[in-house]
Every structure is written in C-alpha cells, then in structure tokens.
Amino acid sequence: RRLCTHSHAHLPAMAVSSPLHSNSDIHCVTFAAGTPTHLAKVYDEWAATYDDTVQHTLAGTGVHHPTTELLSVVKQCVPTAKAILDVGAGTGVAGPMLAALYQPSRMVALDLSKGMLEAASALPNQGGYTQFVQACCPDLGDAQGPFDLCICAGTFIPNHAPPETLVSLVKATQPGGFICFSVRKHFFDDVESGFSTLQQALVDQGKWELVAKEERDYLPKQQINAYYFAYRVLQH
C-alpha cells in the first residue's frame, strides 16, 4: 500500500511503447502494481484514454464523478484560494474548474505519472496549472507550500497514495487553509486502510477541524460511493 519513490522536478522524456493492457482491465492492474515504477508505467500507458475510461467504462454516466463531486464540496466550503495544490492531478480534469472558481495565482499539479502530467500540461492554458511536479506521496517533492487549498480527488484508493499523505498536506497548508479529498467508502470504512484513524488523530492533535463529510457518487456503474471531506487546517 505504501508506494514511494524519489520525486523529480524535471520530467525526462518518456519512452513510447505498445499498450500492455486493454482499457477494460487497466483499472484493476493499478491495484496490483507491485512497485511505484510499475504503477507509474501503467498510468503513463493509460493517460491517453484515462478520462474516457473513468467517465464511461467505470462511471457509466459520462461524468468524472471523483472530481466533480469533490469540487462541489470544495465550492461549498472554501471561499477563496490563491495558491492551490492538486494531488494526484492526473490528466488535469480539476484544473480548469479550480481556475474558474478561484483564479489562483499559483496552482500546482502533482502526480506519480509523467504521462498523466503531460496530458494535463497539454490542456488549453495548461489547465490553469503553473507548475507540474512528478512525485510519490507522501513525499510532495517540489510542491512546496504554503497553500490555501490542497485537493486530492480519486487518489486515496488501495495501492495508491497512503494516509500519511494527509500529514504532508497539513504541513504544506497555511493555517486557515483547506484540505479537501475523497476516499472510497469501503476503503475508508476498513480500519486497516489507516484513513479513519489518522484523520481522527489529526483532529485530536489540533492540526485540523472537520468542515464537511459527505457520501456521494464515485463510480456509479460500479456501485461505488465515496466520502468527500473538507478540513480546515489549524496548525502545522
């Protein structure tokens, strides 16, 4: 579950190879990847068709629910944000939405996969992002705070970013700022995932306070819901 490699400020050229997996099974492959390098390669391969797979094959609605549902909660809870970190930014789906909501002066996209970051940077106006960081959570690499808002949509899932990432985000967020993220319901409810325990520990330590917790659609076709959280950071 804990996947961590060195972060990279500059992204080297990515080799192009023939697909190793079909879009129908690549989602499952991410849960079985044995190393961060393998996981990154799977996402590099998936980048070109990722959004279509999530919206149609997995969600079945044509909507990128992990992002749109989280941004709905963000909009309700976060009045302003001039410096934003998008953790697990992927192809940059959240970027244009965040840019439209907050007109940030700085917005950082962080992801394990170079291929995903390349897709995000290819969006019009780079999706509103001002910096792209390849790193492996809980290490945020060159994505240095302070941030007014950190979001993480669809990345707190098995075999991906570990719960300790939340500690890193608290340190990167200025007091009064917000951390908003999704966790698949069944994963959060499994105490062994570590999320429920760590989130409560950060409350008990006075690091943050819960602003919102909502159960919403995640991948409707798969009958998967998620909890969408918003926390206000109190101290580092």
C-alpha atoms as a PDB file:
ATOM      1  CA  ARG A   1       0.000   0.000   0.000  1.00  0.00           C
ATOM      2  CA  ARG A   2       2.879   2.393   0.694  1.00  0.00           C
ATOM      3  CA  LEU A   3       4.285   3.440  -2.637  1.00  0.00           C
ATOM      4  CA  CYS A   4       7.145   5.901  -2.571  1.00  0.00           C
ATOM      5  CA  THR A   5       9.966   6.801  -4.906  1.00  0.00           C
ATOM      6  CA  HIS A   6      12.151   9.839  -5.369  1.00  0.00           C
ATOM      7  CA  SER A   7      10.417  12.975  -6.615  1.00  0.00           C
ATOM      8  CA  HIS A   8      11.505  14.669  -9.805  1.00  0.00           C
ATOM      9  CA  ALA A   9      11.480  18.396 -10.511  1.00  0.00           C
ATOM     10  CA  HIS A  10      12.145  17.836 -14.206  1.00  0.00           C
ATOM     11  CA  LEU A  11      10.406  15.161 -16.201  1.00  0.00           C
ATOM     12  CA  PRO A  12      12.612  13.113 -18.547  1.00  0.00           C
ATOM     13  CA  ALA A  13      11.412  12.043 -21.970  1.00  0.00           C
ATOM     14  CA  MET A  14       9.053   9.097 -21.737  1.00  0.00           C
ATOM     15  CA  ALA A  15       9.609   6.116 -23.981  1.00  0.00           C
ATOM     16  CA  VAL A  16       6.693   5.190 -26.241  1.00  0.00           C
ATOM     17  CA  SER A  17       5.748   1.536 -26.288  1.00  0.00           C
ATOM     18  CA  SER A  18       2.860  -0.600 -27.413  1.00  0.00           C
ATOM     19  CA  PRO A  19      -0.032  -0.930 -24.922  1.00  0.00           C
ATOM     20  CA  LEU A  20       0.363  -3.692 -22.358  1.00  0.00           C
ATOM     21  CA  HIS A  21      -3.227  -3.684 -21.110  1.00  0.00           C
ATOM     22  CA  SER A  22      -6.691  -3.105 -22.534  1.00  0.00           C
ATOM     23  CA  ASN A  23      -8.811  -0.269 -21.177  1.00  0.00           C
ATOM     24  CA  SER A  24     -11.173  -2.861 -19.733  1.00  0.00           C
ATOM     25  CA  ASP A  25      -8.603  -4.260 -17.293  1.00  0.00           C
ATOM     26  CA  ILE A  26      -6.089  -1.450 -16.756  1.00  0.00           C
ATOM     27  CA  HIS A  27      -8.078  -0.088 -13.818  1.00  0.00           C
ATOM     28  CA  CYS A  28      -7.619  -3.385 -11.970  1.00  0.00           C
ATOM     29  CA  VAL A  29      -3.934  -3.504 -12.891  1.00  0.00           C
ATOM     30  CA  THR A  30      -3.305  -0.317 -10.876  1.00  0.00           C
ATOM     31  CA  PHE A  31      -4.384  -2.118  -7.708  1.00  0.00           C
ATOM     32  CA  ALA A  32      -1.942  -4.964  -8.351  1.00  0.00           C
ATOM     33  CA  ALA A  33       1.134  -2.943  -9.362  1.00  0.00           C
ATOM     34  CA  GLY A  34       3.958  -4.111  -7.113  1.00  0.00           C
ATOM     35  CA  THR A  35       6.184  -1.038  -7.218  1.00  0.00           C
ATOM     36  CA  PRO A  36       5.800   2.705  -7.761  1.00  0.00           C
ATOM     37  CA  THR A  37       7.717   2.377 -11.013  1.00  0.00           C
ATOM     38  CA  HIS A  38       5.261  -0.222 -12.293  1.00  0.00           C
ATOM     39  CA  LEU A  39       2.284   1.872 -11.181  1.00  0.00           C
ATOM     40  CA  ALA A  40       3.683   4.949 -12.916  1.00  0.00           C
ATOM     41  CA  LYS A  41       4.173   2.999 -16.143  1.00  0.00           C
ATOM     42  CA  VAL A  42       0.586   1.742 -16.030  1.00  0.00           C
ATOM     43  CA  TYR A  43      -0.681   5.306 -15.704  1.00  0.00           C
ATOM     44  CA  ASP A  44       1.704   6.501 -18.416  1.00  0.00           C
ATOM     45  CA  GLU A  45       0.088   3.974 -20.724  1.00  0.00           C
ATOM     46  CA  TRP A  46      -3.416   4.832 -19.572  1.00  0.00           C
ATOM     47  CA  ALA A  47      -3.095   8.618 -19.844  1.00  0.00           C
ATOM     48  CA  ALA A  48      -4.458   8.931 -23.393  1.00  0.00           C
ATOM     49  CA  THR A  49      -7.717   7.126 -22.589  1.00  0.00           C
ATOM     50  CA  TYR A  50      -7.977   7.648 -18.830  1.00  0.00           C
ATOM     51  CA  ASP A  51     -10.767  10.222 -18.823  1.00  0.00           C
ATOM     52  CA  ASP A  52     -12.915   8.237 -21.235  1.00  0.00           C
ATOM     53  CA  THR A  53     -12.443   5.074 -19.152  1.00  0.00           C
ATOM     54  CA  VAL A  54     -13.376   6.780 -15.886  1.00  0.00           C
ATOM     55  CA  GLN A  55     -16.358   8.669 -17.268  1.00  0.00           C
ATOM     56  CA  HIS A  56     -17.862   5.935 -19.429  1.00  0.00           C
ATOM     57  CA  THR A  57     -16.455   2.477 -18.635  1.00  0.00           C
ATOM     58  CA  LEU A  58     -16.292   2.934 -14.854  1.00  0.00           C
ATOM     59  CA  ALA A  59     -18.814   5.666 -14.016  1.00  0.00           C
ATOM     60  CA  GLY A  60     -21.179   4.899 -16.875  1.00  0.00           C
ATOM     61  CA  THR A  61     -22.523   8.454 -16.894  1.00  0.00           C
ATOM     62  CA  GLY A  62     -20.050  10.456 -18.955  1.00  0.00           C
ATOM     63  CA  VAL A  63     -19.183  12.408 -15.802  1.00  0.00           C
ATOM     64  CA  HIS A  64     -15.861  12.380 -13.924  1.00  0.00           C
ATOM     65  CA  HIS A  65     -17.586  11.964 -10.550  1.00  0.00           C
ATOM     66  CA  PRO A  66     -14.497  11.767  -8.293  1.00  0.00           C
ATOM     67  CA  THR A  67     -13.557  15.262  -9.453  1.00  0.00           C
ATOM     68  CA  THR A  68     -16.930  16.917  -9.972  1.00  0.00           C
ATOM     69  CA  GLU A  69     -18.330  15.709  -6.642  1.00  0.00           C
ATOM     70  CA  LEU A  70     -15.237  16.832  -4.759  1.00  0.00           C
ATOM     71  CA  LEU A  71     -15.270  20.240  -6.441  1.00  0.00           C
ATOM     72  CA  SER A  72     -18.904  20.621  -5.426  1.00  0.00           C
ATOM     73  CA  VAL A  73     -17.883  20.181  -1.785  1.00  0.00           C
ATOM     74  CA  VAL A  74     -14.899  22.496  -2.267  1.00  0.00           C
ATOM     75  CA  LYS A  75     -17.125  25.205  -3.690  1.00  0.00           C
ATOM     76  CA  GLN A  76     -19.412  24.986  -0.657  1.00  0.00           C
ATOM     77  CA  CYS A  77     -16.602  25.149   1.900  1.00  0.00           C
ATOM     78  CA  VAL A  78     -13.717  27.181   0.503  1.00  0.00           C
ATOM     79  CA  PRO A  79     -14.383  30.885  -0.089  1.00  0.00           C
ATOM     80  CA  THR A  80     -11.053  31.815  -1.672  1.00  0.00           C
ATOM     81  CA  ALA A  81      -7.763  30.189  -2.652  1.00  0.00           C
ATOM     82  CA  LYS A  82      -4.845  31.866  -4.395  1.00  0.00           C
ATOM     83  CA  ALA A  83      -2.354  29.012  -4.020  1.00  0.00           C
ATOM     84  CA  ILE A  84      -3.652  25.516  -4.773  1.00  0.00           C
ATOM     85  CA  LEU A  85      -2.109  22.038  -4.796  1.00  0.00           C
ATOM     86  CA  ASP A  86      -3.840  19.299  -6.795  1.00  0.00           C
ATOM     87  CA  VAL A  87      -2.503  15.957  -5.518  1.00  0.00           C
ATOM     88  CA  GLY A  88      -2.911  13.056  -7.927  1.00  0.00           C
ATOM     89  CA  ALA A  89      -3.833  15.624 -10.562  1.00  0.00           C
ATOM     90  CA  GLY A  90      -3.783  13.024 -13.331  1.00  0.00           C
ATOM     91  CA  THR A  91      -4.852  14.445 -16.681  1.00  0.00           C
ATOM     92  CA  GLY A  92      -5.789  17.752 -15.070  1.00  0.00           C
ATOM     93  CA  VAL A  93      -9.569  17.420 -15.000  1.00  0.00           C
ATOM     94  CA  ALA A  94      -9.811  19.572 -11.868  1.00  0.00           C
ATOM     95  CA  GLY A  95      -7.535  22.321 -13.154  1.00  0.00           C
ATOM     96  CA  PRO A  96      -9.955  24.319 -15.316  1.00  0.00           C
ATOM     97  CA  MET A  97     -12.675  24.012 -12.673  1.00  0.00           C
ATOM     98  CA  LEU A  98     -10.388  25.293  -9.921  1.00  0.00           C
ATOM     99  CA  ALA A  99      -9.102  28.072 -12.158  1.00  0.00           C
ATOM    100  CA  ALA A 100     -12.655  29.198 -12.891  1.00  0.00           C
ATOM    101  CA  LEU A 101     -13.656  29.075  -9.217  1.00  0.00           C
ATOM    102  CA  TYR A 102     -10.672  30.845  -7.651  1.00  0.00           C
ATOM    103  CA  GLN A 103      -8.445  32.457 -10.315  1.00  0.00           C
ATOM    104  CA  PRO A 104      -5.374  31.298  -8.361  1.00  0.00           C
ATOM    105  CA  SER A 105      -2.009  32.952  -8.889  1.00  0.00           C
ATOM    106  CA  ARG A 106      -0.294  29.593  -8.288  1.00  0.00           C
ATOM    107  CA  MET A 107      -1.681  26.125  -8.947  1.00  0.00           C
ATOM    108  CA  VAL A 108       0.491  23.025  -8.771  1.00  0.00           C
ATOM    109  CA  ALA A 109      -0.311  19.664 -10.364  1.00  0.00           C
ATOM    110  CA  LEU A 110       1.362  16.722  -8.625  1.00  0.00           C
ATOM    111  CA  ASP A 111       1.264  13.160  -9.902  1.00  0.00           C
ATOM    112  CA  LEU A 112       3.301   9.951  -9.893  1.00  0.00           C
ATOM    113  CA  SER A 113       2.933   9.569 -13.663  1.00  0.00           C
ATOM    114  CA  LYS A 114       4.811  11.675 -16.171  1.00  0.00           C
ATOM    115  CA  GLY A 115       2.343  10.663 -18.874  1.00  0.00           C
ATOM    116  CA  MET A 116      -0.581  11.985 -16.860  1.00  0.00           C
ATOM    117  CA  LEU A 117       1.205  15.273 -16.173  1.00  0.00           C
ATOM    118  CA  GLU A 118       1.979  15.617 -19.872  1.00  0.00           C
ATOM    119  CA  ALA A 119      -1.737  15.248 -20.611  1.00  0.00           C
ATOM    120  CA  ALA A 120      -2.538  17.952 -18.054  1.00  0.00           C
ATOM    121  CA  SER A 121       0.086  20.309 -19.431  1.00  0.00           C
ATOM    122  CA  ALA A 122      -1.357  19.846 -22.944  1.00  0.00           C
ATOM    123  CA  LEU A 123      -4.715  21.321 -21.889  1.00  0.00           C
ATOM    124  CA  PRO A 124      -5.567  24.837 -23.078  1.00  0.00           C
ATOM    125  CA  ASN A 125      -3.711  27.313 -20.861  1.00  0.00           C
ATOM    126  CA  GLN A 126      -2.102  24.260 -19.215  1.00  0.00           C
ATOM    127  CA  GLY A 127      -5.402  23.694 -17.421  1.00  0.00           C
ATOM    128  CA  GLY A 128      -4.627  26.731 -15.294  1.00  0.00           C
ATOM    129  CA  TYR A 129      -1.658  24.984 -13.677  1.00  0.00           C
ATOM    130  CA  THR A 130       1.526  26.980 -13.140  1.00  0.00           C
ATOM    131  CA  GLN A 131       3.784  24.083 -12.085  1.00  0.00           C
ATOM    132  CA  PHE A 132       3.944  20.331 -12.701  1.00  0.00           C
ATOM    133  CA  VAL A 133       5.623  18.073 -10.134  1.00  0.00           C
ATOM    134  CA  GLN A 134       6.295  14.366 -10.516  1.00  0.00           C
ATOM    135  CA  ALA A 135       6.489  12.847  -7.036  1.00  0.00           C
ATOM    136  CA  CYS A 136       5.258   9.910  -4.993  1.00  0.00           C
ATOM    137  CA  CYS A 137       3.110  10.517  -1.946  1.00  0.00           C
ATOM    138  CA  PRO A 138       3.564  11.080   0.920  1.00  0.00           C
ATOM    139  CA  ASP A 139       6.593  12.946  -0.484  1.00  0.00           C
ATOM    140  CA  LEU A 140       5.357  16.142  -2.163  1.00  0.00           C
ATOM    141  CA  GLY A 141       8.674  16.742  -3.901  1.00  0.00           C
ATOM    142  CA  ASP A 142       8.967  20.287  -5.239  1.00  0.00           C
ATOM    143  CA  ALA A 143       5.323  21.085  -4.465  1.00  0.00           C
ATOM    144  CA  GLN A 144       6.243  23.376  -1.604  1.00  0.00           C
ATOM    145  CA  GLY A 145       3.706  25.382   0.359  1.00  0.00           C
ATOM    146  CA  PRO A 146       2.200  27.328   1.804  1.00  0.00           C
ATOM    147  CA  PHE A 147      -1.060  26.548   0.008  1.00  0.00           C
ATOM    148  CA  ASP A 148      -4.526  27.916   0.693  1.00  0.00           C
ATOM    149  CA  LEU A 149      -6.150  24.765  -0.666  1.00  0.00           C
ATOM    150  CA  CYS A 150      -4.981  21.210  -1.262  1.00  0.00           C
ATOM    151  CA  ILE A 151      -7.262  18.775  -3.059  1.00  0.00           C
ATOM    152  CA  CYS A 152      -6.959  15.077  -3.781  1.00  0.00           C
ATOM    153  CA  ALA A 153      -9.649  13.521  -5.983  1.00  0.00           C
ATOM    154  CA  GLY A 154      -9.639   9.780  -6.575  1.00  0.00           C
ATOM    155  CA  THR A 155      -6.122   9.064  -5.320  1.00  0.00           C
ATOM    156  CA  PHE A 156      -6.810   7.773  -1.803  1.00  0.00           C
ATOM    157  CA  ILE A 157      -7.580   4.254  -3.003  1.00  0.00           C
ATOM    158  CA  PRO A 158      -5.894   0.873  -2.432  1.00  0.00           C
ATOM    159  CA  ASN A 159      -2.266   0.660  -3.602  1.00  0.00           C
ATOM    160  CA  HIS A 160      -2.044   4.401  -4.262  1.00  0.00           C
ATOM    161  CA  ALA A 161      -1.355   7.415  -2.007  1.00  0.00           C
ATOM    162  CA  PRO A 162      -1.067   6.340   1.661  1.00  0.00           C
ATOM    163  CA  PRO A 163      -2.913   8.091   4.504  1.00  0.00           C
ATOM    164  CA  GLU A 164       0.351   9.654   5.697  1.00  0.00           C
ATOM    165  CA  THR A 165      -0.015  11.952   2.703  1.00  0.00           C
ATOM    166  CA  LEU A 166      -2.521  13.891   4.802  1.00  0.00           C
ATOM    167  CA  VAL A 167       0.234  14.754   7.299  1.00  0.00           C
ATOM    168  CA  SER A 168       2.313  16.146   4.440  1.00  0.00           C
ATOM    169  CA  LEU A 169      -0.649  18.193   3.254  1.00  0.00           C
ATOM    170  CA  VAL A 170      -1.250  19.667   6.708  1.00  0.00           C
ATOM    171  CA  LYS A 171       2.378  20.811   6.759  1.00  0.00           C
ATOM    172  CA  ALA A 172       2.006  22.315   3.276  1.00  0.00           C
ATOM    173  CA  THR A 173      -1.222  24.197   4.032  1.00  0.00           C
ATOM    174  CA  GLN A 174      -1.220  27.503   5.839  1.00  0.00           C
ATOM    175  CA  PRO A 175      -3.378  27.772   8.977  1.00  0.00           C
ATOM    176  CA  GLY A 176      -6.898  28.683   7.930  1.00  0.00           C
ATOM    177  CA  GLY A 177      -6.442  26.905   4.604  1.00  0.00           C
ATOM    178  CA  PHE A 178      -8.334  23.824   3.489  1.00  0.00           C
ATOM    179  CA  ILE A 179      -7.613  20.208   2.573  1.00  0.00           C
ATOM    180  CA  CYS A 180     -10.368  18.533   0.559  1.00  0.00           C
ATOM    181  CA  PHE A 181     -10.288  14.952  -0.671  1.00  0.00           C
ATOM    182  CA  SER A 182     -12.192  11.787  -1.455  1.00  0.00           C
ATOM    183  CA  VAL A 183     -11.802   8.292  -0.014  1.00  0.00           C
ATOM    184  CA  ARG A 184     -13.765   5.369  -1.390  1.00  0.00           C
ATOM    185  CA  LYS A 185     -16.403   4.469   1.211  1.00  0.00           C
ATOM    186  CA  HIS A 186     -15.494   0.794   1.556  1.00  0.00           C
ATOM    187  CA  PHE A 187     -11.804   1.707   1.831  1.00  0.00           C
ATOM    188  CA  PHE A 188     -12.365   4.363   4.493  1.00  0.00           C
ATOM    189  CA  ASP A 189     -14.657   2.031   6.458  1.00  0.00           C
ATOM    190  CA  ASP A 190     -11.901  -0.606   6.520  1.00  0.00           C
ATOM    191  CA  VAL A 191      -9.900   0.498   9.558  1.00  0.00           C
ATOM    192  CA  GLU A 192      -6.828  -1.250   8.140  1.00  0.00           C
ATOM    193  CA  SER A 193      -6.639   1.364   5.377  1.00  0.00           C
ATOM    194  CA  GLY A 194      -5.491   3.797   8.046  1.00  0.00           C
ATOM    195  CA  PHE A 195      -7.538   6.786   6.907  1.00  0.00           C
ATOM    196  CA  SER A 196     -10.189   6.948   9.610  1.00  0.00           C
ATOM    197  CA  THR A 197      -7.602   6.532  12.366  1.00  0.00           C
ATOM    198  CA  LEU A 198      -5.202   9.149  11.013  1.00  0.00           C
ATOM    199  CA  GLN A 199      -7.909  11.680  10.188  1.00  0.00           C
ATOM    200  CA  GLN A 200      -9.218  11.486  13.752  1.00  0.00           C
ATOM    201  CA  ALA A 201      -5.688  11.652  15.166  1.00  0.00           C
ATOM    202  CA  LEU A 202      -5.099  14.935  13.333  1.00  0.00           C
ATOM    203  CA  VAL A 203      -8.314  16.278  14.862  1.00  0.00           C
ATOM    204  CA  ASP A 204      -7.243  15.124  18.335  1.00  0.00           C
ATOM    205  CA  GLN A 205      -3.822  16.764  17.859  1.00  0.00           C
ATOM    206  CA  GLY A 206      -5.459  20.058  16.968  1.00  0.00           C
ATOM    207  CA  LYS A 207      -3.970  20.033  13.476  1.00  0.00           C
ATOM    208  CA  TRP A 208      -7.261  20.430  11.618  1.00  0.00           C
ATOM    209  CA  GLU A 209     -11.035  20.507  12.080  1.00  0.00           C
ATOM    210  CA  LEU A 210     -13.712  18.805  10.023  1.00  0.00           C
ATOM    211  CA  VAL A 211     -15.810  21.159   7.925  1.00  0.00           C
ATOM    212  CA  ALA A 212     -17.688  18.648   5.758  1.00  0.00           C
ATOM    213  CA  LYS A 213     -18.060  14.919   5.238  1.00  0.00           C
ATOM    214  CA  GLU A 214     -20.499  13.850   2.530  1.00  0.00           C
ATOM    215  CA  GLU A 215     -21.211  10.478   0.948  1.00  0.00           C
ATOM    216  CA  ARG A 216     -21.628  10.972  -2.786  1.00  0.00           C
ATOM    217  CA  ASP A 217     -21.376   9.170  -6.108  1.00  0.00           C
ATOM    218  CA  TYR A 218     -17.921   7.989  -7.116  1.00  0.00           C
ATOM    219  CA  LEU A 219     -18.220   5.308  -9.801  1.00  0.00           C
ATOM    220  CA  PRO A 220     -21.996   4.757 -10.153  1.00  0.00           C
ATOM    221  CA  LYS A 221     -21.768   1.958 -12.707  1.00  0.00           C
ATOM    222  CA  GLN A 222     -19.535   0.052 -10.289  1.00  0.00           C
ATOM    223  CA  GLN A 223     -21.891   0.898  -7.409  1.00  0.00           C
ATOM    224  CA  ILE A 224     -19.033   2.590  -5.568  1.00  0.00           C
ATOM    225  CA  ASN A 225     -19.595   5.652  -3.413  1.00  0.00           C
ATOM    226  CA  ALA A 226     -17.023   7.759  -1.628  1.00  0.00           C
ATOM    227  CA  TYR A 227     -16.772  10.073   1.322  1.00  0.00           C
ATOM    228  CA  TYR A 228     -15.833  13.597   0.347  1.00  0.00           C
ATOM    229  CA  PHE A 229     -14.085  15.515   3.113  1.00  0.00           C
ATOM    230  CA  ALA A 230     -13.211  19.135   3.761  1.00  0.00           C
ATOM    231  CA  TYR A 231     -10.920  20.038   6.659  1.00  0.00           C
ATOM    232  CA  ARG A 232      -9.702  23.447   7.839  1.00  0.00           C
ATOM    233  CA  VAL A 233      -6.064  23.452   8.922  1.00  0.00           C
ATOM    234  CA  LEU A 234      -5.476  24.922  12.382  1.00  0.00           C
ATOM    235  CA  GLN A 235      -1.736  24.469  12.837  1.00  0.00           C
ATOM    236  CA  HIS A 236       1.198  22.630  11.286  1.00  0.00           C
END
